[in-house]
């Protein structure tokens, strides 16, 4: 994922979130041509993957490849977690 461009005010609010201990500040940011990466030190692979899964799902992206998901589940009205291509592949396996 591309880093988010931030201003000095937004960067200050991110620092304030870090002081409060919030994990919402975790991410990669671009400030005046410099990349600022905030991540959890020694996080396990499953913890990192769970955060990636959660972020992709929240943004409406396929959790496997990161493409934009356009189809909605007719029963719940929410976007599927997988793009059409991966839904077909995974359903064929099952």
Protein backbone atom coordinates (compact mmCIF):
# COMPACT_ATOMS: atom_id res chain seq x y z
CA UNK A 1 0.00 0.00 0.00
CA UNK A 2 1.15 3.49 -0.75
CA UNK A 3 2.11 5.80 2.13
CA UNK A 4 -0.46 8.42 3.10
CA UNK A 5 0.61 12.03 2.56
CA UNK A 6 0.35 14.01 5.79
CA UNK A 7 0.78 17.60 6.89
CA UNK A 8 2.62 18.75 10.00
CA UNK A 9 -0.68 19.03 11.91
CA UNK A 10 -1.68 15.47 10.99
CA UNK A 11 1.80 14.22 11.93
CA UNK A 12 1.44 15.88 15.32
CA UNK A 13 -1.93 14.20 15.85
CA UNK A 14 -0.35 10.84 14.94
CA UNK A 15 2.34 11.45 17.56
CA UNK A 16 -0.37 12.29 20.10
CA UNK A 17 -2.12 9.01 19.28
CA UNK A 18 1.16 7.18 19.88
CA UNK A 19 1.51 8.85 23.27
CA UNK A 20 -1.98 7.62 24.15
CA UNK A 21 -1.00 4.07 23.14
CA UNK A 22 -3.46 3.83 20.26
CA UNK A 23 -2.71 1.32 17.50
CA UNK A 24 -4.62 3.47 15.01
CA UNK A 25 -1.38 5.38 14.36
CA UNK A 26 0.32 2.33 12.86
CA UNK A 27 1.03 2.84 9.17
CA UNK A 28 3.32 4.41 6.62
CA UNK A 29 3.18 8.15 6.05
CA UNK A 30 4.83 10.55 3.61
CA UNK A 31 5.90 13.90 5.05
CA UNK A 32 7.88 16.38 2.93
CA UNK A 33 9.36 13.62 0.79
CA UNK A 34 10.34 11.45 3.77
CA UNK A 35 8.71 8.16 4.64
CA UNK A 36 7.69 7.78 8.27
CA UNK A 37 6.87 4.21 9.18
CA UNK A 38 5.18 3.40 12.47
CA UNK A 39 4.95 -0.27 13.33
CA UNK A 40 4.87 -2.47 16.37
CA UNK A 41 8.31 -3.72 17.42
CA UNK A 42 8.65 -7.51 17.25
CA UNK A 43 5.06 -8.08 16.22
CA UNK A 44 4.39 -11.69 15.25
CA UNK A 45 3.56 -12.58 11.66
CA UNK A 46 0.00 -13.48 12.56
CA UNK A 47 -0.46 -10.13 14.31
CA UNK A 48 0.79 -8.22 11.25
CA UNK A 49 -1.39 -10.31 8.94
CA UNK A 50 -4.47 -9.73 11.11
CA UNK A 51 -3.88 -5.97 10.97
CA UNK A 52 -3.43 -6.08 7.17
CA UNK A 53 -6.60 -8.18 6.81
CA UNK A 54 -8.57 -5.78 9.00
CA UNK A 55 -7.33 -2.67 7.15
CA UNK A 56 -8.03 -4.13 3.70
CA UNK A 57 -11.49 -5.25 4.76
CA UNK A 58 -12.28 -1.81 6.18
CA UNK A 59 -11.20 -0.12 2.94
CA UNK A 60 -13.25 -2.47 0.73
CA UNK A 61 -10.23 -4.26 -0.75
CA UNK A 62 -9.73 -7.95 -1.47
CA UNK A 63 -7.90 -9.46 1.51
CA UNK A 64 -5.78 -11.64 -0.81
CA UNK A 65 -4.64 -9.30 -3.59
CA UNK A 66 -5.75 -5.80 -2.53
CA UNK A 67 -8.00 -5.11 -5.55
CA UNK A 68 -11.15 -3.04 -5.04
CA UNK A 69 -14.15 -5.28 -4.22
CA UNK A 70 -17.32 -4.31 -6.07
CA UNK A 71 -19.74 -7.15 -5.31
CA UNK A 72 -21.95 -7.12 -2.25
CA UNK A 73 -23.30 -10.06 -0.33
CA UNK A 74 -27.06 -9.96 -1.07
CA UNK A 75 -27.94 -11.42 2.31
CA UNK A 76 -25.99 -8.93 4.47
CA UNK A 77 -25.59 -6.00 2.07
CA UNK A 78 -21.86 -5.75 2.91
CA UNK A 79 -18.98 -6.01 0.46
CA UNK A 80 -17.45 -9.44 0.04
CA UNK A 81 -13.98 -9.91 1.55
CA UNK A 82 -12.62 -11.31 -1.73
CA UNK A 83 -12.64 -9.97 -5.29
CA UNK A 84 -14.62 -11.91 -7.91
CA UNK A 85 -11.50 -13.70 -9.15
CA UNK A 86 -10.49 -15.03 -5.74
CA UNK A 87 -14.07 -15.92 -4.79
CA UNK A 88 -14.22 -18.18 -7.89
CA UNK A 89 -10.82 -19.76 -7.13
CA UNK A 90 -11.59 -20.43 -3.47
CA UNK A 91 -15.10 -21.74 -4.17
CA UNK A 92 -13.69 -24.23 -6.72
CA UNK A 93 -11.36 -25.66 -4.04
CA UNK A 94 -14.19 -26.23 -1.56
